Amino acid sequence: STPWMVVLTGFSVRCSAANSMSMHWYVVTTLSSHEDKVKKLLERQKDKWPDGAKVGQVKIPLHEMAELRGGKKRIVKKKLMPGYVFIEADLTDELQHRIRALPGVMGFVSAGTEPQVLSEEEMHALFTEMGPAVADEKQNTRIFFAEGEIVRIIDGPFANFQGTVDDVNPEKGKVRVRVEIFGRATPVELDYLQVSKI
Protein backbone atom coordinates (compact mmCIF):
# COMPACT_ATOMS: atom_id res chain seq x y z
CA SER A 1 0.00 0.00 0.00
CA THR A 2 1.08 3.56 -0.61
CA PRO A 3 2.73 5.31 2.36
CA TRP A 4 0.78 8.36 3.32
CA MET A 5 -0.03 10.96 5.87
CA VAL A 6 -3.34 12.72 5.88
CA VAL A 7 -3.57 16.48 5.59
CA LEU A 8 -7.23 17.30 5.82
CA THR A 9 -8.36 20.16 3.61
CA GLY A 10 -11.41 21.75 5.18
CA PHE A 11 -13.98 24.01 3.63
CA SER A 12 -16.01 26.77 5.23
CA VAL A 13 -19.55 26.27 4.01
CA ARG A 14 -22.16 28.98 3.60
CA CYS A 15 -25.61 29.20 2.08
CA SER A 16 -25.04 31.13 -1.10
CA ALA A 17 -28.56 32.15 -2.08
CA ALA A 18 -30.40 35.23 -0.87
CA ASN A 19 -33.24 33.10 0.50
CA SER A 20 -30.82 30.90 2.43
CA MET A 21 -33.63 29.54 4.62
CA SER A 22 -34.73 27.24 1.79
CA MET A 23 -31.20 26.13 0.82
CA HIS A 24 -30.02 22.82 2.28
CA TRP A 25 -27.15 20.41 1.70
CA TYR A 26 -27.79 17.06 0.00
CA VAL A 27 -25.55 14.18 -0.99
CA VAL A 28 -25.60 12.83 -4.54
CA THR A 29 -24.16 9.39 -5.29
CA THR A 30 -22.16 8.99 -8.50
CA LEU A 31 -20.61 6.28 -10.59
CA SER A 32 -17.07 5.40 -9.55
CA SER A 33 -14.55 8.11 -10.54
CA HIS A 34 -17.33 10.37 -11.91
CA GLU A 35 -17.36 12.84 -9.00
CA ASP A 36 -15.44 15.59 -10.82
CA LYS A 37 -17.43 15.12 -14.03
CA VAL A 38 -20.72 15.35 -12.17
CA LYS A 39 -19.57 18.46 -10.28
CA LYS A 40 -18.47 20.27 -13.46
CA LEU A 41 -21.55 19.19 -15.39
CA LEU A 42 -23.89 20.36 -12.64
CA GLU A 43 -22.10 23.71 -12.37
CA ARG A 44 -22.46 24.18 -16.14
CA GLN A 45 -26.01 22.90 -16.49
CA LYS A 46 -27.52 24.89 -13.61
CA ASP A 47 -26.94 28.12 -15.57
CA LYS A 48 -29.09 26.71 -18.39
CA TRP A 49 -31.93 25.44 -16.19
CA PRO A 50 -34.93 27.71 -15.51
CA ASP A 51 -34.65 26.77 -11.82
CA GLY A 52 -30.83 26.75 -11.80
CA ALA A 53 -30.73 29.56 -9.23
CA LYS A 54 -32.00 27.00 -6.72
CA VAL A 55 -28.59 25.26 -6.90
CA GLY A 56 -25.86 26.80 -4.76
CA GLN A 57 -22.44 25.34 -4.09
CA VAL A 58 -21.25 21.94 -5.30
CA LYS A 59 -18.47 20.36 -3.24
CA ILE A 60 -16.27 17.27 -3.24
CA PRO A 61 -14.49 16.87 0.13
CA LEU A 62 -10.76 16.30 -0.45
CA HIS A 63 -7.77 15.52 1.68
CA GLU A 64 -4.14 15.89 0.75
CA MET A 65 -1.74 12.98 1.06
CA ALA A 66 2.02 13.18 1.06
CA GLU A 67 3.42 10.23 -0.87
CA LEU A 68 6.97 9.05 -1.25
CA ARG A 69 7.79 7.73 -4.71
CA GLY A 70 11.30 7.04 -5.94
CA GLY A 71 12.68 8.80 -2.89
CA LYS A 72 10.76 12.01 -3.67
CA LYS A 73 7.95 13.45 -1.59
CA ARG A 74 4.89 14.77 -3.42
CA ILE A 75 1.45 15.96 -2.38
CA VAL A 76 -1.59 14.44 -4.06
CA LYS A 77 -5.27 15.22 -3.49
CA LYS A 78 -7.57 12.30 -2.80
CA LYS A 79 -11.32 12.22 -2.40
CA LEU A 80 -12.33 11.90 1.23
CA MET A 81 -15.60 10.17 0.27
CA PRO A 82 -15.34 8.60 -3.20
CA GLY A 83 -18.64 8.28 -5.01
CA TYR A 84 -20.28 11.28 -3.34
CA VAL A 85 -20.87 14.91 -4.36
CA PHE A 86 -22.34 17.46 -1.93
CA ILE A 87 -24.93 19.85 -3.36
CA GLU A 88 -26.47 22.92 -1.78
CA ALA A 89 -29.97 23.42 -3.18
CA ASP A 90 -33.55 24.50 -2.70
CA LEU A 91 -34.59 21.05 -3.88
CA THR A 92 -37.92 20.77 -5.69
CA ASP A 93 -39.21 17.58 -7.34
CA GLU A 94 -38.41 19.05 -10.77
CA LEU A 95 -34.86 20.03 -9.80
CA GLN A 96 -34.30 16.63 -8.21
CA HIS A 97 -35.37 15.01 -11.50
CA ARG A 98 -32.93 17.21 -13.47
CA ILE A 99 -30.03 16.29 -11.20
CA ARG A 100 -30.87 12.58 -11.28
CA ALA A 101 -30.90 12.71 -15.11
CA LEU A 102 -27.30 13.96 -15.33
CA PRO A 103 -24.79 11.42 -16.73
CA GLY A 104 -22.86 9.73 -13.92
CA VAL A 105 -25.48 10.45 -11.23
CA MET A 106 -26.86 7.38 -9.43
CA GLY A 107 -29.26 9.21 -7.15
CA PHE A 108 -29.50 10.94 -3.77
CA VAL A 109 -28.66 9.62 -0.33
CA SER A 110 -32.20 9.26 0.95
CA ALA A 111 -34.12 9.06 4.19
CA GLY A 112 -36.97 6.80 3.14
CA THR A 113 -38.18 8.03 -0.24
CA GLU A 114 -36.96 11.63 0.10
CA PRO A 115 -33.37 12.93 -0.33
CA GLN A 116 -31.80 13.31 3.09
CA VAL A 117 -30.93 16.82 4.26
CA LEU A 118 -27.55 17.06 5.98
CA SER A 119 -27.73 18.61 9.43
CA GLU A 120 -25.44 21.41 10.55
CA GLU A 121 -23.65 18.92 12.82
CA GLU A 122 -22.98 16.60 9.88
CA MET A 123 -21.64 19.52 7.84
CA HIS A 124 -19.35 20.46 10.72
CA ALA A 125 -18.08 16.88 10.81
CA LEU A 126 -17.31 16.93 7.07
CA PHE A 127 -16.10 20.49 6.70
CA THR A 128 -13.91 22.16 9.28
CA GLU A 129 -16.03 25.20 10.01
CA MET A 130 -19.12 27.13 8.94
CA GLY A 131 -18.46 30.71 7.88
CA PRO A 132 -18.70 33.36 5.16
CA ALA A 133 -15.87 32.10 2.95
CA VAL A 134 -16.65 29.64 0.17
CA ALA A 135 -13.46 27.63 0.53
CA ASP A 136 -11.13 28.55 3.36
CA GLU A 137 -8.46 25.87 3.21
CA LYS A 138 -6.78 24.76 6.38
CA GLN A 139 -4.09 22.16 6.80
CA ASN A 140 -3.12 19.98 9.71
CA THR A 141 -0.57 17.21 9.65
CA ARG A 142 -0.71 14.49 12.25
CA ILE A 143 1.68 11.55 12.33
CA PHE A 144 2.47 9.78 15.55
CA PHE A 145 5.38 7.46 16.21
CA ALA A 146 6.38 6.42 19.71
CA GLU A 147 9.78 5.35 21.02
CA GLY A 148 9.90 1.57 21.30
CA GLU A 149 7.31 1.10 18.54
CA ILE A 150 8.01 -1.58 15.91
CA VAL A 151 7.81 -0.17 12.38
CA ARG A 152 8.46 -1.27 8.80
CA ILE A 153 10.79 0.68 6.50
CA ILE A 154 9.10 1.12 3.11
CA ASP A 155 11.56 3.23 1.11
CA GLY A 156 15.29 3.58 0.68
CA PRO A 157 18.16 1.10 1.02
CA PHE A 158 16.59 -0.54 4.09
CA ALA A 159 13.14 -1.04 2.51
CA ASN A 160 11.26 -4.10 3.88
CA PHE A 161 13.34 -4.15 7.08
CA GLN A 162 11.60 -3.90 10.42
CA GLY A 163 13.01 -1.95 13.31
CA THR A 164 12.35 -0.28 16.65
CA VAL A 165 11.79 3.47 16.93
CA ASP A 166 14.68 4.87 18.93
CA ASP A 167 14.00 8.62 18.63
CA VAL A 168 11.31 10.87 17.12
CA ASN A 169 11.88 14.42 15.79
CA PRO A 170 8.44 15.86 14.84
CA GLU A 171 9.90 19.29 13.97
CA LYS A 172 12.02 17.80 11.18
CA GLY A 173 9.64 14.95 10.36
CA LYS A 174 12.42 12.45 11.09
CA VAL A 175 12.55 9.23 13.06
CA ARG A 176 15.55 7.15 14.14
CA VAL A 177 14.99 3.43 13.85
CA ARG A 178 17.22 0.64 15.16
CA VAL A 179 17.47 -1.99 12.45
CA GLU A 180 19.10 -5.38 12.94
CA ILE A 181 21.65 -5.86 10.16
CA PHE A 182 23.93 -8.91 10.22
CA GLY A 183 22.94 -9.56 13.82
CA ARG A 184 23.77 -6.04 15.01
CA ALA A 185 21.31 -3.25 15.88
CA THR A 186 22.16 -0.27 13.67
CA PRO A 187 20.50 3.17 14.09
CA VAL A 188 19.11 4.60 10.84
CA GLU A 189 17.63 8.11 10.48
CA LEU A 190 14.62 8.19 8.19
CA ASP A 191 11.93 10.54 6.96
CA TYR A 192 8.44 9.90 8.38
CA LEU A 193 7.29 8.86 4.91
CA GLN A 194 9.92 6.15 4.71
CA VAL A 195 8.38 4.37 7.68
CA SER A 196 5.03 2.62 8.10
CA LYS A 197 3.24 1.46 11.22
CA ILE A 198 2.77 -2.31 11.46
C-alpha atoms as a PDB file:
ATOM      1  CA  SER A   1       0.000   0.000   0.000  1.00  0.00           C
ATOM      2  CA  THR A   2       1.085   3.562  -0.613  1.00  0.00           C
ATOM      3  CA  PRO A   3       2.730   5.314   2.363  1.00  0.00           C
ATOM      4  CA  TRP A   4       0.782   8.363   3.320  1.00  0.00           C
ATOM      5  CA  MET A   5      -0.027  10.959   5.869  1.00  0.00           C
ATOM      6  CA  VAL A   6      -3.338  12.719   5.879  1.00  0.00           C
ATOM      7  CA  VAL A   7      -3.569  16.478   5.589  1.00  0.00           C
ATOM      8  CA  LEU A   8      -7.233  17.303   5.824  1.00  0.00           C
ATOM      9  CA  THR A   9      -8.363  20.158   3.612  1.00  0.00           C
ATOM     10  CA  GLY A  10     -11.413  21.748   5.182  1.00  0.00           C
ATOM     11  CA  PHE A  11     -13.983  24.011   3.634  1.00  0.00           C
ATOM     12  CA  SER A  12     -16.010  26.768   5.227  1.00  0.00           C
ATOM     13  CA  VAL A  13     -19.548  26.270   4.013  1.00  0.00           C
ATOM     14  CA  ARG A  14     -22.160  28.975   3.602  1.00  0.00           C
ATOM     15  CA  CYS A  15     -25.606  29.204   2.083  1.00  0.00           C
ATOM     16  CA  SER A  16     -25.036  31.135  -1.104  1.00  0.00           C
ATOM     17  CA  ALA A  17     -28.560  32.146  -2.079  1.00  0.00           C
ATOM     18  CA  ALA A  18     -30.399  35.226  -0.866  1.00  0.00           C
ATOM     19  CA  ASN A  19     -33.237  33.096   0.502  1.00  0.00           C
ATOM     20  CA  SER A  20     -30.824  30.899   2.430  1.00  0.00           C
ATOM     21  CA  MET A  21     -33.627  29.536   4.621  1.00  0.00           C
ATOM     22  CA  SER A  22     -34.730  27.240   1.787  1.00  0.00           C
ATOM     23  CA  MET A  23     -31.199  26.128   0.824  1.00  0.00           C
ATOM     24  CA  HIS A  24     -30.022  22.820   2.280  1.00  0.00           C
ATOM     25  CA  TRP A  25     -27.150  20.408   1.699  1.00  0.00           C
ATOM     26  CA  TYR A  26     -27.791  17.064   0.001  1.00  0.00           C
ATOM     27  CA  VAL A  27     -25.552  14.179  -0.989  1.00  0.00           C
ATOM     28  CA  VAL A  28     -25.605  12.827  -4.540  1.00  0.00           C
ATOM     29  CA  THR A  29     -24.160   9.394  -5.286  1.00  0.00           C
ATOM     30  CA  THR A  30     -22.161   8.994  -8.505  1.00  0.00           C
ATOM     31  CA  LEU A  31     -20.607   6.276 -10.595  1.00  0.00           C
ATOM     32  CA  SER A  32     -17.072   5.403  -9.545  1.00  0.00           C
ATOM     33  CA  SER A  33     -14.550   8.115 -10.536  1.00  0.00           C
ATOM     34  CA  HIS A  34     -17.328  10.371 -11.907  1.00  0.00           C
ATOM     35  CA  GLU A  35     -17.358  12.839  -9.005  1.00  0.00           C
ATOM     36  CA  ASP A  36     -15.440  15.591 -10.816  1.00  0.00           C
ATOM     37  CA  LYS A  37     -17.426  15.117 -14.032  1.00  0.00           C
ATOM     38  CA  VAL A  38     -20.723  15.355 -12.174  1.00  0.00           C
ATOM     39  CA  LYS A  39     -19.567  18.465 -10.278  1.00  0.00           C
ATOM     40  CA  LYS A  40     -18.467  20.267 -13.462  1.00  0.00           C
ATOM     41  CA  LEU A  41     -21.547  19.193 -15.390  1.00  0.00           C
ATOM     42  CA  LEU A  42     -23.893  20.356 -12.641  1.00  0.00           C
ATOM     43  CA  GLU A  43     -22.099  23.714 -12.368  1.00  0.00           C
ATOM     44  CA  ARG A  44     -22.459  24.179 -16.144  1.00  0.00           C
ATOM     45  CA  GLN A  45     -26.011  22.901 -16.486  1.00  0.00           C
ATOM     46  CA  LYS A  46     -27.519  24.886 -13.614  1.00  0.00           C
ATOM     47  CA  ASP A  47     -26.939  28.119 -15.573  1.00  0.00           C
ATOM     48  CA  LYS A  48     -29.091  26.710 -18.394  1.00  0.00           C
ATOM     49  CA  TRP A  49     -31.928  25.437 -16.195  1.00  0.00           C
ATOM     50  CA  PRO A  50     -34.929  27.709 -15.505  1.00  0.00           C
ATOM     51  CA  ASP A  51     -34.647  26.767 -11.821  1.00  0.00           C
ATOM     52  CA  GLY A  52     -30.833  26.748 -11.804  1.00  0.00           C
ATOM     53  CA  ALA A  53     -30.732  29.562  -9.226  1.00  0.00           C
ATOM     54  CA  LYS A  54     -32.000  26.998  -6.723  1.00  0.00           C
ATOM     55  CA  VAL A  55     -28.589  25.257  -6.895  1.00  0.00           C
ATOM     56  CA  GLY A  56     -25.856  26.803  -4.757  1.00  0.00           C
ATOM     57  CA  GLN A  57     -22.435  25.339  -4.089  1.00  0.00           C
ATOM     58  CA  VAL A  58     -21.252  21.945  -5.302  1.00  0.00           C
ATOM     59  CA  LYS A  59     -18.467  20.357  -3.235  1.00  0.00           C
ATOM     60  CA  ILE A  60     -16.270  17.273  -3.244  1.00  0.00           C
ATOM     61  CA  PRO A  61     -14.486  16.868   0.126  1.00  0.00           C
ATOM     62  CA  LEU A  62     -10.761  16.305  -0.452  1.00  0.00           C
ATOM     63  CA  HIS A  63      -7.766  15.518   1.682  1.00  0.00           C
ATOM     64  CA  GLU A  64      -4.137  15.888   0.755  1.00  0.00           C
ATOM     65  CA  MET A  65      -1.742  12.983   1.061  1.00  0.00           C
ATOM     66  CA  ALA A  66       2.023  13.184   1.061  1.00  0.00           C
ATOM     67  CA  GLU A  67       3.420  10.225  -0.867  1.00  0.00           C
ATOM     68  CA  LEU A  68       6.975   9.046  -1.246  1.00  0.00           C
ATOM     69  CA  ARG A  69       7.794   7.726  -4.714  1.00  0.00           C
ATOM     70  CA  GLY A  70      11.295   7.038  -5.937  1.00  0.00           C
ATOM     71  CA  GLY A  71      12.682   8.796  -2.887  1.00  0.00           C
ATOM     72  CA  LYS A  72      10.761  12.012  -3.672  1.00  0.00           C
ATOM     73  CA  LYS A  73       7.948  13.451  -1.594  1.00  0.00           C
ATOM     74  CA  ARG A  74       4.889  14.767  -3.424  1.00  0.00           C
ATOM     75  CA  ILE A  75       1.450  15.963  -2.376  1.00  0.00           C
ATOM     76  CA  VAL A  76      -1.591  14.441  -4.062  1.00  0.00           C
ATOM     77  CA  LYS A  77      -5.266  15.218  -3.489  1.00  0.00           C
ATOM     78  CA  LYS A  78      -7.571  12.298  -2.803  1.00  0.00           C
ATOM     79  CA  LYS A  79     -11.320  12.223  -2.395  1.00  0.00           C
ATOM     80  CA  LEU A  80     -12.333  11.903   1.229  1.00  0.00           C
ATOM     81  CA  MET A  81     -15.600  10.168   0.273  1.00  0.00           C
ATOM     82  CA  PRO A  82     -15.336   8.596  -3.204  1.00  0.00           C
ATOM     83  CA  GLY A  83     -18.639   8.279  -5.012  1.00  0.00           C
ATOM     84  CA  TYR A  84     -20.281  11.276  -3.337  1.00  0.00           C
ATOM     85  CA  VAL A  85     -20.872  14.908  -4.356  1.00  0.00           C
ATOM     86  CA  PHE A  86     -22.342  17.465  -1.934  1.00  0.00           C
ATOM     87  CA  ILE A  87     -24.932  19.847  -3.363  1.00  0.00           C
ATOM     88  CA  GLU A  88     -26.468  22.924  -1.780  1.00  0.00           C
ATOM     89  CA  ALA A  89     -29.965  23.421  -3.179  1.00  0.00           C
ATOM     90  CA  ASP A  90     -33.550  24.495  -2.698  1.00  0.00           C
ATOM     91  CA  LEU A  91     -34.586  21.048  -3.878  1.00  0.00           C
ATOM     92  CA  THR A  92     -37.916  20.767  -5.688  1.00  0.00           C
ATOM     93  CA  ASP A  93     -39.212  17.583  -7.341  1.00  0.00           C
ATOM     94  CA  GLU A  94     -38.411  19.047 -10.767  1.00  0.00           C
ATOM     95  CA  LEU A  95     -34.861  20.030  -9.799  1.00  0.00           C
ATOM     96  CA  GLN A  96     -34.298  16.627  -8.213  1.00  0.00           C
ATOM     97  CA  HIS A  97     -35.374  15.010 -11.501  1.00  0.00           C
ATOM     98  CA  ARG A  98     -32.926  17.213 -13.474  1.00  0.00           C
ATOM     99  CA  ILE A  99     -30.030  16.291 -11.195  1.00  0.00           C
ATOM    100  CA  ARG A 100     -30.869  12.581 -11.282  1.00  0.00           C
ATOM    101  CA  ALA A 101     -30.898  12.710 -15.107  1.00  0.00           C
ATOM    102  CA  LEU A 102     -27.297  13.964 -15.325  1.00  0.00           C
ATOM    103  CA  PRO A 103     -24.792  11.419 -16.726  1.00  0.00           C
ATOM    104  CA  GLY A 104     -22.862   9.728 -13.920  1.00  0.00           C
ATOM    105  CA  VAL A 105     -25.475  10.448 -11.226  1.00  0.00           C
ATOM    106  CA  MET A 106     -26.856   7.384  -9.428  1.00  0.00           C
ATOM    107  CA  GLY A 107     -29.261   9.212  -7.155  1.00  0.00           C
ATOM    108  CA  PHE A 108     -29.504  10.939  -3.775  1.00  0.00           C
ATOM    109  CA  VAL A 109     -28.657   9.617  -0.330  1.00  0.00           C
ATOM    110  CA  SER A 110     -32.203   9.257   0.954  1.00  0.00           C
ATOM    111  CA  ALA A 111     -34.120   9.061   4.189  1.00  0.00           C
ATOM    112  CA  GLY A 112     -36.969   6.802   3.136  1.00  0.00           C
ATOM    113  CA  THR A 113     -38.182   8.032  -0.245  1.00  0.00           C
ATOM    114  CA  GLU A 114     -36.956  11.627   0.100  1.00  0.00           C
ATOM    115  CA  PRO A 115     -33.373  12.930  -0.332  1.00  0.00           C
ATOM    116  CA  GLN A 116     -31.796  13.306   3.092  1.00  0.00           C
ATOM    117  CA  VAL A 117     -30.930  16.820   4.265  1.00  0.00           C
ATOM    118  CA  LEU A 118     -27.546  17.063   5.980  1.00  0.00           C
ATOM    119  CA  SER A 119     -27.730  18.605   9.433  1.00  0.00           C
ATOM    120  CA  GLU A 120     -25.440  21.414  10.553  1.00  0.00           C
ATOM    121  CA  GLU A 121     -23.652  18.917  12.818  1.00  0.00           C
ATOM    122  CA  GLU A 122     -22.982  16.602   9.877  1.00  0.00           C
ATOM    123  CA  MET A 123     -21.640  19.516   7.844  1.00  0.00           C
ATOM    124  CA  HIS A 124     -19.349  20.456  10.725  1.00  0.00           C
ATOM    125  CA  ALA A 125     -18.081  16.880  10.814  1.00  0.00           C
ATOM    126  CA  LEU A 126     -17.311  16.930   7.072  1.00  0.00           C
ATOM    127  CA  PHE A 127     -16.102  20.490   6.699  1.00  0.00           C
ATOM    128  CA  THR A 128     -13.907  22.159   9.284  1.00  0.00           C
ATOM    129  CA  GLU A 129     -16.034  25.204  10.010  1.00  0.00           C
ATOM    130  CA  MET A 130     -19.116  27.127   8.938  1.00  0.00           C
ATOM    131  CA  GLY A 131     -18.461  30.713   7.878  1.00  0.00           C
ATOM    132  CA  PRO A 132     -18.702  33.359   5.156  1.00  0.00           C
ATOM    133  CA  ALA A 133     -15.870  32.100   2.954  1.00  0.00           C
ATOM    134  CA  VAL A 134     -16.652  29.639   0.172  1.00  0.00           C
ATOM    135  CA  ALA A 135     -13.455  27.633   0.530  1.00  0.00           C
ATOM    136  CA  ASP A 136     -11.133  28.553   3.360  1.00  0.00           C
ATOM    137  CA  GLU A 137      -8.457  25.873   3.208  1.00  0.00           C
ATOM    138  CA  LYS A 138      -6.783  24.762   6.378  1.00  0.00           C
ATOM    139  CA  GLN A 139      -4.094  22.161   6.799  1.00  0.00           C
ATOM    140  CA  ASN A 140      -3.117  19.980   9.709  1.00  0.00           C
ATOM    141  CA  THR A 141      -0.573  17.209   9.645  1.00  0.00           C
ATOM    142  CA  ARG A 142      -0.708  14.492  12.245  1.00  0.00           C
ATOM    143  CA  ILE A 143       1.675  11.554  12.329  1.00  0.00           C
ATOM    144  CA  PHE A 144       2.468   9.783  15.549  1.00  0.00           C
ATOM    145  CA  PHE A 145       5.375   7.460  16.212  1.00  0.00           C
ATOM    146  CA  ALA A 146       6.379   6.423  19.711  1.00  0.00           C
ATOM    147  CA  GLU A 147       9.775   5.355  21.021  1.00  0.00           C
ATOM    148  CA  GLY A 148       9.899   1.572  21.298  1.00  0.00           C
ATOM    149  CA  GLU A 149       7.306   1.095  18.541  1.00  0.00           C
ATOM    150  CA  ILE A 150       8.011  -1.580  15.913  1.00  0.00           C
ATOM    151  CA  VAL A 151       7.810  -0.165  12.380  1.00  0.00           C
ATOM    152  CA  ARG A 152       8.457  -1.272   8.800  1.00  0.00           C
ATOM    153  CA  ILE A 153      10.789   0.678   6.495  1.00  0.00           C
ATOM    154  CA  ILE A 154       9.096   1.122   3.114  1.00  0.00           C
ATOM    155  CA  ASP A 155      11.555   3.227   1.112  1.00  0.00           C
ATOM    156  CA  GLY A 156      15.291   3.582   0.677  1.00  0.00           C
ATOM    157  CA  PRO A 157      18.156   1.103   1.017  1.00  0.00           C
ATOM    158  CA  PHE A 158      16.585  -0.537   4.091  1.00  0.00           C
ATOM    159  CA  ALA A 159      13.136  -1.040   2.513  1.00  0.00           C
ATOM    160  CA  ASN A 160      11.259  -4.101   3.881  1.00  0.00           C
ATOM    161  CA  PHE A 161      13.339  -4.153   7.078  1.00  0.00           C
ATOM    162  CA  GLN A 162      11.595  -3.898  10.423  1.00  0.00           C
ATOM    163  CA  GLY A 163      13.012  -1.948  13.313  1.00  0.00           C
ATOM    164  CA  THR A 164      12.347  -0.279  16.646  1.00  0.00           C
ATOM    165  CA  VAL A 165      11.790   3.472  16.931  1.00  0.00           C
ATOM    166  CA  ASP A 166      14.681   4.872  18.930  1.00  0.00           C
ATOM    167  CA  ASP A 167      14.000   8.623  18.633  1.00  0.00           C
ATOM    168  CA  VAL A 168      11.314  10.875  17.124  1.00  0.00           C
ATOM    169  CA  ASN A 169      11.883  14.415  15.787  1.00  0.00           C
ATOM    170  CA  PRO A 170       8.443  15.855  14.836  1.00  0.00           C
ATOM    171  CA  GLU A 171       9.896  19.287  13.966  1.00  0.00           C
ATOM    172  CA  LYS A 172      12.019  17.804  11.175  1.00  0.00           C
ATOM    173  CA  GLY A 173       9.639  14.947  10.363  1.00  0.00           C
ATOM    174  CA  LYS A 174      12.417  12.451  11.089  1.00  0.00           C
ATOM    175  CA  VAL A 175      12.546   9.234  13.056  1.00  0.00           C
ATOM    176  CA  ARG A 176      15.548   7.148  14.144  1.00  0.00           C
ATOM    177  CA  VAL A 177      14.993   3.427  13.850  1.00  0.00           C
ATOM    178  CA  ARG A 178      17.223   0.637  15.163  1.00  0.00           C
ATOM    179  CA  VAL A 179      17.467  -1.991  12.449  1.00  0.00           C
ATOM    180  CA  GLU A 180      19.102  -5.378  12.935  1.00  0.00           C
ATOM    181  CA  ILE A 181      21.649  -5.859  10.156  1.00  0.00           C
ATOM    182  CA  PHE A 182      23.933  -8.911  10.216  1.00  0.00           C
ATOM    183  CA  GLY A 183      22.938  -9.563  13.820  1.00  0.00           C
ATOM    184  CA  ARG A 184      23.768  -6.038  15.012  1.00  0.00           C
ATOM    185  CA  ALA A 185      21.308  -3.245  15.878  1.00  0.00           C
ATOM    186  CA  THR A 186      22.159  -0.270  13.671  1.00  0.00           C
ATOM    187  CA  PRO A 187      20.498   3.171  14.091  1.00  0.00           C
ATOM    188  CA  VAL A 188      19.107   4.600  10.839  1.00  0.00           C
ATOM    189  CA  GLU A 189      17.631   8.112  10.480  1.00  0.00           C
ATOM    190  CA  LEU A 190      14.618   8.188   8.187  1.00  0.00           C
ATOM    191  CA  ASP A 191      11.932  10.541   6.964  1.00  0.00           C
ATOM    192  CA  TYR A 192       8.443   9.901   8.378  1.00  0.00           C
ATOM    193  CA  LEU A 193       7.286   8.862   4.906  1.00  0.00           C
ATOM    194  CA  GLN A 194       9.924   6.150   4.711  1.00  0.00           C
ATOM    195  CA  VAL A 195       8.382   4.366   7.679  1.00  0.00           C
ATOM    196  CA  SER A 196       5.034   2.625   8.099  1.00  0.00           C
ATOM    197  CA  LYS A 197       3.240   1.456  11.219  1.00  0.00           C
ATOM    198  CA  ILE A 198       2.766  -2.312  11.462  1.00  0.00           C
END
